[in-house]
Amino acid sequence: MSRRARGASGITDPRAAQRRRVLQCMLLPALQWLIPSPLRAATIASARLWPAQEYTRLILESAGPVPHTILSIRNPSRLVLDLEDVELTAELEQLARLVHPGDPYIQAIRIARFKPGVLRVVLDLKTEVNPQLFALLPFGDHGHRVVLDLYSLTPPDPLMALLDRDGAARDADDKAPSRSPGAKSARRPIIIAIDPGHGGEDPGAIGRRGTYEKHVTLAIARRLKTLIDAEPGMRAMLTRDDDYYVALSARVQKARRVQADLFISVHADAFSTPTARGSSVFALSEHGASSAAARWLAQRENEADLIGGVNLDNREPMLAKTLLDLSQTAQISDSIRVGRSVLEGIGSINALHKGSVEQAGFAVLKAPDIPSILIETAFISNPEEEQMLKSEAHQQRFAQSILNGVKRYFAQNPPLARARLG
């Protein structure tokens, strides 16, 4: 006779089958705990640390989701991150060695088995922090990620930084002998927000020789900032000044906080074939992209938040409303004008991929009250242009050519009068 439960007629009893399924549902979870932990524990494939003045980010990446909790402890300041059913691997053990002496927030990291089924990661802190813990779903080459961001309790204010710098410049002017009679000018400086694309978890495009777009954009942006700050009546602010990721909306928000007169996002283009070459300038579009290539590029750039990692539960609720302001049409018109001027400047040192300003729905260009452009300096996927982007001399030429275009634009289109900083 078959081992299946049968009734008097020899047909399988549905009630017995149902009882068997219920019994399995009750026993299997309990039997799992009899399996040795290493056989069922998740494996952390990669552990990464991104230290920066603005915030430090810890990332634990795995093939599957990892349940986690966090506890903050004072005297001394510590953060305790508990990971459930995680195996202690070499990737986790080397995390302590990743702590940089210059990290403004983390003093040391310790890892040990807290209790059966729980691995504890302890972060010894240099100061009290505002921790933000969240999980990211797989995207692109990334698997599941547990992300812990450590922010200062008193985050730096970019507007105050500009005020301090402007005040120091005025003090120096007051002490210097006057070359002309009369009162000194009280005109507000032209403020330019420079946005180095990508950063941190998001490398951007990668050249055939291994050049990361995020490093190139930061290098050119820093050079551009230095040139702008040396110009009388001009000041620059970087949306990021190190290798960390800034959400696309936060880049826009930073520019608006300093009342920027212009927003410039610096990038390096890439394509599937190595022959594509040349520089491009983009402005926002409300009504579709100016070409299929522009639409593809905007989609790729807008996915940066999914790669770089953004805590979607921590977005400013008013920002989305602000970005839909009806003044966008005037902003786009001004953006195209400044884009033409900058494109002319870049064209003096490199071939242009297209001789006109293109348009697409770039999220980073959506400040409603600031002319905003995105510059693709060159194709990092082209070996010749990749070599050019790596060259410090060419980086300086790119920065100077951008500044030349900016100065030409403001000479013809003075910014609207605003209150003096401070």
Protein backbone atom coordinates (compact mmCIF):
# COMPACT_ATOMS: atom_id res chain seq x y z
CA MET A 1 0.00 0.00 0.00
CA SER A 2 1.18 3.48 -0.79
CA ARG A 3 2.50 5.62 2.07
CA ARG A 4 0.05 8.33 1.07
CA ALA A 5 -2.93 8.55 3.43
CA ARG A 6 -5.92 6.95 1.77
CA GLY A 7 -9.58 6.60 2.58
CA ALA A 8 -11.67 3.46 2.43
CA SER A 9 -11.96 3.80 -1.33
CA GLY A 10 -8.15 3.95 -1.78
CA ILE A 11 -8.26 7.59 -2.97
CA THR A 12 -5.96 10.14 -1.30
CA ASP A 13 -7.63 11.82 1.71
CA PRO A 14 -7.55 15.64 1.14
CA ARG A 15 -7.92 16.26 4.91
CA ALA A 16 -4.79 14.17 5.63
CA ALA A 17 -2.83 16.06 2.95
CA GLN A 18 -3.94 19.38 4.48
CA ARG A 19 -2.84 18.21 7.97
CA ARG A 20 0.54 17.22 6.54
CA ARG A 21 1.03 20.67 4.96
CA VAL A 22 0.12 22.40 8.23
CA LEU A 23 2.57 20.20 10.13
CA GLN A 24 5.33 21.05 7.64
CA CYS A 25 4.67 24.76 8.02
CA MET A 26 4.95 24.41 11.79
CA LEU A 27 8.07 22.24 11.90
CA LEU A 28 10.27 23.57 9.09
CA PRO A 29 11.03 26.99 10.66
CA ALA A 30 11.96 25.26 13.91
CA LEU A 31 14.08 22.66 12.14
CA GLN A 32 16.05 25.44 10.41
CA TRP A 33 17.67 26.33 13.73
CA LEU A 34 19.12 22.81 13.87
CA ILE A 35 21.09 23.57 10.70
CA PRO A 36 24.62 24.86 11.52
CA SER A 37 24.72 28.67 11.29
CA PRO A 38 27.40 28.90 8.55
CA LEU A 39 25.19 26.83 6.26
CA ARG A 40 22.31 29.31 6.40
CA ALA A 41 24.04 32.62 7.19
CA ALA A 42 24.12 35.43 4.63
CA THR A 43 27.48 36.47 3.25
CA ILE A 44 28.64 40.07 3.02
CA ALA A 45 30.25 40.23 -0.42
CA SER A 46 31.73 43.68 0.08
CA ALA A 47 32.20 46.21 2.90
CA ARG A 48 33.05 49.81 1.95
CA LEU A 49 33.70 53.06 3.79
CA TRP A 50 33.42 56.54 2.23
CA PRO A 51 34.76 59.17 4.66
CA ALA A 52 34.15 62.87 3.98
CA GLN A 53 33.67 66.10 5.87
CA GLU A 54 30.01 66.34 4.88
CA TYR A 55 29.22 62.78 5.97
CA THR A 56 30.78 59.33 6.23
CA ARG A 57 29.04 56.36 4.61
CA LEU A 58 29.37 52.67 5.54
CA ILE A 59 28.04 50.15 3.03
CA LEU A 60 27.58 46.41 3.44
CA GLU A 61 26.64 44.62 0.23
CA SER A 62 25.25 41.10 -0.02
CA ALA A 63 23.44 38.79 -2.42
CA GLY A 64 20.26 38.86 -0.32
CA PRO A 65 18.61 41.21 2.17
CA VAL A 66 20.14 41.38 5.66
CA PRO A 67 17.87 42.19 8.64
CA HIS A 68 19.53 44.90 10.73
CA THR A 69 18.99 47.21 13.69
CA ILE A 70 20.95 50.12 15.12
CA LEU A 71 21.53 51.42 18.64
CA SER A 72 23.17 54.69 19.69
CA ILE A 73 25.22 54.78 22.92
CA ARG A 74 26.78 57.76 24.71
CA ASN A 75 29.76 58.17 27.05
CA PRO A 76 31.66 57.30 24.99
CA SER A 77 29.80 57.85 21.73
CA ARG A 78 29.22 54.62 19.84
CA LEU A 79 26.90 53.18 17.23
CA VAL A 80 25.96 49.51 17.41
CA LEU A 81 24.81 47.87 14.18
CA ASP A 82 23.39 44.36 14.65
CA LEU A 83 23.19 42.10 11.58
CA GLU A 84 21.04 38.99 11.73
CA ASP A 85 22.16 35.64 10.28
CA VAL A 86 25.37 37.04 8.81
CA GLU A 87 28.60 35.10 8.52
CA LEU A 88 31.81 36.76 9.73
CA THR A 89 33.86 36.89 6.53
CA ALA A 90 37.20 38.35 5.53
CA GLU A 91 35.34 41.27 3.90
CA LEU A 92 33.82 42.20 7.25
CA GLU A 93 37.00 41.57 9.23
CA GLN A 94 38.98 43.98 7.06
CA LEU A 95 36.43 46.76 7.68
CA ALA A 96 38.38 47.94 10.74
CA ARG A 97 41.41 48.57 8.54
CA LEU A 98 39.38 50.82 6.23
CA VAL A 99 38.96 53.52 8.88
CA HIS A 100 40.97 56.54 7.78
CA PRO A 101 42.78 58.59 10.45
CA GLY A 102 41.28 61.72 8.94
CA ASP A 103 37.69 60.44 9.09
CA PRO A 104 35.84 63.23 10.94
CA TYR A 105 33.34 60.84 12.55
CA ILE A 106 34.69 57.28 13.03
CA GLN A 107 37.54 56.50 15.42
CA ALA A 108 37.53 52.71 15.06
CA ILE A 109 35.32 49.75 14.08
CA ARG A 110 35.00 46.49 16.02
CA ILE A 111 33.18 43.34 14.89
CA ALA A 112 32.24 40.27 16.91
CA ARG A 113 29.53 37.66 17.36
CA PHE A 114 27.08 39.19 19.84
CA LYS A 115 24.87 36.12 20.28
CA PRO A 116 23.78 33.16 18.16
CA GLY A 117 22.43 34.50 14.89
CA VAL A 118 23.55 38.12 15.48
CA LEU A 119 26.80 39.73 14.34
CA ARG A 120 27.56 43.07 16.00
CA VAL A 121 29.43 45.93 14.34
CA VAL A 122 30.49 48.66 16.79
CA LEU A 123 31.54 52.08 15.54
CA ASP A 124 33.59 54.07 18.04
CA LEU A 125 32.89 57.71 17.24
CA LYS A 126 34.97 60.87 17.49
CA THR A 127 31.87 62.96 18.08
CA GLU A 128 28.11 62.60 18.38
CA VAL A 129 26.44 62.10 15.01
CA ASN A 130 23.07 62.03 13.31
CA PRO A 131 22.94 58.46 11.92
CA GLN A 132 20.73 57.47 9.01
CA LEU A 133 20.31 53.76 8.31
CA PHE A 134 18.51 52.42 5.26
CA ALA A 135 18.55 49.56 2.75
CA LEU A 136 18.91 49.66 -1.02
CA LEU A 137 17.52 47.10 -3.45
CA PRO A 138 19.77 45.63 -6.15
CA PHE A 139 20.48 47.90 -9.11
CA GLY A 140 22.98 47.54 -11.93
CA ASP A 141 26.11 45.81 -10.65
CA HIS A 142 25.11 46.31 -7.01
CA GLY A 143 23.34 43.73 -4.86
CA HIS A 144 21.38 44.37 -1.67
CA ARG A 145 23.02 47.14 0.37
CA VAL A 146 22.76 48.16 4.00
CA VAL A 147 23.77 51.83 4.17
CA LEU A 148 24.72 53.78 7.30
CA ASP A 149 25.34 57.51 6.87
CA LEU A 150 26.91 59.53 9.69
CA TYR A 151 26.11 63.26 9.59
CA SER A 152 27.26 66.00 11.92
CA LEU A 153 24.72 67.25 14.45
CA THR A 154 25.52 70.74 13.12
CA PRO A 155 25.93 70.28 9.36
CA PRO A 156 27.99 72.89 7.50
CA ASP A 157 26.02 75.71 5.91
CA PRO A 158 27.26 76.48 2.37
CA LEU A 159 25.82 80.01 2.55
CA MET A 160 27.69 80.73 5.79
CA ALA A 161 30.88 79.43 4.20
CA LEU A 162 30.45 81.92 1.38
CA LEU A 163 29.67 84.69 3.86
CA ASP A 164 32.81 83.94 5.86
CA ARG A 165 34.95 83.92 2.73
CA ASP A 166 33.34 87.12 1.45
CA GLY A 167 33.87 88.77 4.82
CA ALA A 168 37.54 87.79 4.85
CA ALA A 169 37.97 89.27 1.37
CA ARG A 170 36.34 92.54 2.49
CA ASP A 171 38.63 92.73 5.52
CA ALA A 172 41.63 92.30 3.24
CA ASP A 173 40.31 95.07 0.96
CA ASP A 174 39.82 97.38 3.94
CA LYS A 175 43.44 96.91 5.02
CA ALA A 176 44.85 97.34 1.52
CA PRO A 177 45.63 100.89 0.30
CA SER A 178 42.87 102.26 -1.88
CA ARG A 179 43.84 102.89 -5.51
CA SER A 180 40.86 105.09 -6.23
CA PRO A 181 38.87 107.61 -4.23
CA GLY A 182 35.34 107.03 -3.06
CA ALA A 183 33.53 104.29 -1.22
CA LYS A 184 34.19 100.63 -1.99
CA SER A 185 31.63 98.73 -4.08
CA ALA A 186 28.89 96.99 -2.12
CA ARG A 187 27.69 94.97 -5.11
CA ARG A 188 26.85 91.36 -4.41
CA PRO A 189 29.26 88.90 -6.07
CA ILE A 190 28.07 86.59 -8.84
CA ILE A 191 27.70 83.14 -7.26
CA ILE A 192 28.23 80.01 -9.31
CA ALA A 193 27.40 76.52 -8.03
CA ILE A 194 29.68 73.87 -9.55
CA ASP A 195 28.46 70.30 -9.42
CA PRO A 196 31.07 67.54 -9.95
CA GLY A 197 29.00 64.65 -11.31
CA HIS A 198 28.73 61.28 -9.57
CA GLY A 199 30.96 60.41 -6.57
CA GLY A 200 31.26 57.77 -3.86
CA GLU A 201 29.36 54.62 -4.74
CA ASP A 202 28.62 56.03 -8.17
CA PRO A 203 31.80 56.09 -10.30
CA GLY A 204 30.00 57.36 -13.37
CA ALA A 205 31.42 56.17 -16.68
CA ILE A 206 34.72 54.27 -16.64
CA GLY A 207 37.24 54.70 -19.44
CA ARG A 208 39.04 51.84 -21.18
CA ARG A 209 42.20 52.73 -19.24
CA GLY A 210 40.31 52.60 -15.95
CA THR A 211 39.70 56.33 -15.51
CA TYR A 212 36.67 57.08 -13.33
CA GLU A 213 34.36 59.88 -14.39
CA LYS A 214 33.81 60.89 -10.76
CA HIS A 215 37.53 61.68 -10.32
CA VAL A 216 37.75 63.67 -13.55
CA THR A 217 34.67 65.76 -12.80
CA LEU A 218 35.93 66.63 -9.32
CA ALA A 219 39.37 67.60 -10.64
CA ILE A 220 37.93 69.92 -13.31
CA ALA A 221 35.36 71.36 -10.88
CA ARG A 222 38.05 72.20 -8.33
CA ARG A 223 40.12 73.96 -10.99
CA LEU A 224 37.07 75.88 -12.17
CA LYS A 225 36.29 76.95 -8.61
CA THR A 226 39.84 78.24 -8.13
CA LEU A 227 39.61 80.27 -11.34
CA ILE A 228 36.21 81.72 -10.43
CA ASP A 229 37.27 82.67 -6.90
CA ALA A 230 40.23 84.56 -8.38
CA GLU A 231 37.87 86.69 -10.49
CA PRO A 232 36.82 90.03 -8.95
CA GLY A 233 33.13 89.97 -8.07
CA MET A 234 32.70 86.20 -8.48
CA ARG A 235 32.45 83.34 -5.99
CA ALA A 236 32.05 79.57 -6.49
CA MET A 237 30.61 76.75 -4.39
CA LEU A 238 31.10 73.00 -4.95
CA THR A 239 28.17 70.66 -4.37
CA ARG A 240 30.73 68.05 -3.31
CA ASP A 241 34.41 68.61 -2.52
CA ASP A 242 35.49 65.00 -2.04
CA ASP A 243 34.72 61.43 -3.16
CA TYR A 244 31.21 60.95 -1.80
CA TYR A 245 27.74 60.85 -3.31
CA VAL A 246 25.26 63.73 -3.18
CA ALA A 247 21.63 63.12 -4.14
CA LEU A 248 20.55 64.89 -7.32
CA SER A 249 17.89 66.88 -5.47
CA ALA A 250 20.40 67.84 -2.76
CA ARG A 251 22.72 69.31 -5.41
CA VAL A 252 19.90 71.56 -6.57
CA GLN A 253 19.03 72.45 -2.98
CA LYS A 254 22.62 73.45 -2.20
CA ALA A 255 22.69 75.81 -5.17
CA ARG A 256 19.44 77.45 -4.09
CA ARG A 257 20.65 77.86 -0.50
CA VAL A 258 23.57 80.01 -1.62
CA GLN A 259 21.30 81.94 -4.02
CA ALA A 260 23.44 80.88 -6.96
CA ASP A 261 23.22 82.85 -10.21
CA LEU A 262 24.32 79.85 -12.26
CA PHE A 263 24.50 76.07 -11.79
CA ILE A 264 27.08 74.06 -13.75
CA SER A 265 27.11 70.25 -13.58
CA VAL A 266 30.39 68.78 -14.87
CA HIS A 267 30.44 65.32 -16.50
CA ALA A 268 32.37 63.15 -18.95
CA ASP A 269 30.35 61.39 -21.63
CA ALA A 270 30.51 57.71 -22.63
CA PHE A 271 29.19 55.57 -25.46
CA SER A 272 29.35 51.92 -26.48
CA THR A 273 31.81 52.58 -29.31
CA PRO A 274 35.23 54.19 -28.71
CA THR A 275 34.95 56.47 -31.75
CA ALA A 276 32.37 58.83 -30.24
CA ARG A 277 34.08 62.10 -29.32
CA GLY A 278 33.57 65.78 -28.57
CA SER A 279 32.12 68.10 -25.94
CA SER A 280 28.44 68.83 -25.34
CA VAL A 281 26.29 71.20 -23.29
CA PHE A 282 22.75 70.41 -22.13
CA ALA A 283 19.88 72.42 -20.69
CA LEU A 284 16.59 71.24 -19.20
CA SER A 285 13.61 70.37 -21.37
CA GLU A 286 10.00 70.37 -20.27
CA HIS A 287 8.67 68.86 -23.49
CA GLY A 288 10.88 65.92 -24.38
CA ALA A 289 14.50 65.55 -25.36
CA SER A 290 16.05 67.27 -28.39
CA SER A 291 17.41 63.92 -29.61
CA ALA A 292 17.30 60.22 -28.80
CA ALA A 293 20.89 60.44 -27.55
CA ALA A 294 19.98 63.30 -25.20
CA ARG A 295 17.03 61.31 -23.86
CA TRP A 296 19.25 58.25 -23.26
CA LEU A 297 21.89 60.35 -21.53
CA ALA A 298 19.35 62.05 -19.24
CA GLN A 299 17.90 58.69 -18.27
CA ARG A 300 21.37 57.37 -17.46
CA GLU A 301 22.31 60.43 -15.40
CA ASN A 302 18.97 60.42 -13.56
CA GLU A 303 19.65 56.83 -12.44
CA ALA A 304 22.65 58.08 -10.43
CA ASP A 305 20.59 58.16 -7.23
CA LEU A 306 19.90 54.43 -7.58
CA ILE A 307 23.62 53.73 -7.92
CA GLY A 308 24.99 56.30 -5.49
CA GLY A 309 22.38 55.40 -2.88
CA VAL A 310 19.75 57.81 -1.57
CA ASN A 311 17.59 57.47 1.52
CA LEU A 312 14.17 57.95 -0.04
CA ASP A 313 12.56 58.36 3.39
CA ASN A 314 14.62 61.47 4.09
CA ARG A 315 13.78 63.69 1.12
CA GLU A 316 12.68 67.27 1.74
CA PRO A 317 8.91 67.21 1.14
CA MET A 318 8.83 70.75 -0.24
CA LEU A 319 11.60 70.19 -2.76
CA ALA A 320 9.45 68.19 -5.19
CA LYS A 321 6.89 71.01 -5.19
CA THR A 322 9.61 73.60 -5.70
CA LEU A 323 10.97 71.79 -8.72
CA LEU A 324 7.60 72.08 -10.44
CA ASP A 325 7.56 75.87 -10.20
CA LEU A 326 6.01 77.56 -13.23
CA SER A 327 9.07 79.83 -13.63
CA GLN A 328 10.86 76.89 -15.25
CA THR A 329 10.27 78.28 -18.74
CA ALA A 330 12.30 81.44 -18.07
CA GLN A 331 15.02 79.35 -16.43
CA ILE A 332 15.29 77.14 -19.51
CA SER A 333 15.58 80.17 -21.79
CA ASP A 334 18.43 81.61 -19.70
CA SER A 335 20.06 78.17 -19.48
CA ILE A 336 20.15 77.84 -23.26
CA ARG A 337 21.77 81.28 -23.55
CA VAL A 338 24.51 80.52 -21.05
CA GLY A 339 24.89 77.07 -22.59
CA ARG A 340 25.63 78.59 -26.01
CA SER A 341 28.27 80.84 -24.51
CA VAL A 342 29.94 77.97 -22.62
CA LEU A 343 29.75 75.71 -25.69
CA GLU A 344 31.61 78.39 -27.65
CA GLY A 345 34.27 78.50 -24.93
CA ILE A 346 34.76 74.73 -24.84
CA GLY A 347 34.81 74.60 -28.63
CA SER A 348 38.05 76.60 -28.59
CA ILE A 349 39.94 73.67 -27.01
CA ASN A 350 38.05 70.54 -28.09
CA ALA A 351 35.86 69.31 -30.91
CA LEU A 352 32.13 69.65 -30.30
CA HIS A 353 29.98 66.54 -30.39
CA LYS A 354 27.10 68.75 -31.49
CA GLY A 355 27.32 72.45 -32.28
CA SER A 356 24.18 73.49 -30.39
CA VAL A 357 22.84 73.23 -26.85
CA GLU A 358 20.80 70.05 -26.46
CA GLN A 359 17.87 69.57 -24.08
CA ALA A 360 16.51 66.70 -22.00
CA GLY A 361 14.87 66.05 -18.63
CA PHE A 362 17.96 66.05 -16.38
CA ALA A 363 16.86 65.99 -12.74
CA VAL A 364 19.93 67.94 -11.62
CA LEU A 365 18.97 70.92 -13.83
CA LYS A 366 15.53 71.51 -12.29
CA ALA A 367 16.19 74.51 -10.04
CA PRO A 368 13.31 76.79 -11.10
CA ASP A 369 15.13 80.06 -10.39
CA ILE A 370 18.74 79.31 -11.44
CA PRO A 371 20.01 79.00 -15.03
CA SER A 372 21.43 75.47 -15.10
CA ILE A 373 23.59 73.60 -17.59
CA LEU A 374 25.20 70.16 -17.76
CA ILE A 375 28.56 69.95 -19.51
CA GLU A 376 29.87 66.71 -21.02
CA THR A 377 33.52 67.76 -21.23
CA ALA A 378 34.61 64.88 -23.48
CA PHE A 379 34.02 61.15 -24.09
CA ILE A 380 35.80 59.14 -21.43
CA SER A 381 35.00 56.05 -23.56
CA ASN A 382 37.24 57.45 -26.31
CA PRO A 383 40.87 56.47 -25.53
CA GLU A 384 42.27 59.77 -26.85
CA GLU A 385 39.79 61.92 -24.97
CA GLU A 386 40.18 59.76 -21.86
CA GLN A 387 43.90 60.55 -21.91
CA MET A 388 43.04 64.21 -22.31
CA LEU A 389 40.66 64.12 -19.36
CA LYS A 390 43.39 62.58 -17.19
CA SER A 391 45.87 65.31 -18.09
CA GLU A 392 46.15 68.11 -15.51
CA ALA A 393 47.02 70.57 -18.28
CA HIS A 394 43.87 69.67 -20.22
CA GLN A 395 41.76 69.77 -17.06
CA GLN A 396 42.98 73.33 -16.56
CA ARG A 397 42.16 74.21 -20.18
CA PHE A 398 38.65 72.80 -19.78
CA ALA A 399 38.12 74.84 -16.61
CA GLN A 400 39.44 78.01 -18.24
CA SER A 401 37.29 77.53 -21.35
CA ILE A 402 34.18 77.09 -19.19
CA LEU A 403 35.01 80.26 -17.24
CA ASN A 404 35.54 82.20 -20.48
CA GLY A 405 32.06 81.23 -21.61
CA VAL A 406 30.54 82.10 -18.23
CA LYS A 407 32.18 85.54 -18.19
CA ARG A 408 30.99 86.25 -21.72
CA TYR A 409 27.43 85.32 -20.73
CA PHE A 410 27.34 87.53 -17.62
CA ALA A 411 28.88 90.43 -19.52
CA GLN A 412 25.85 90.32 -21.82
CA ASN A 413 23.28 89.17 -19.22
CA PRO A 414 24.00 90.68 -15.78
CA PRO A 415 22.32 88.71 -12.98
CA LEU A 416 19.23 90.17 -11.34
CA ALA A 417 19.99 92.51 -8.48
CA ARG A 418 19.87 90.70 -5.15
CA ALA A 419 20.65 91.72 -1.61
CA ARG A 420 24.34 91.70 -0.76
CA LEU A 421 25.52 88.57 1.04
CA GLY A 422 25.25 89.16 4.78
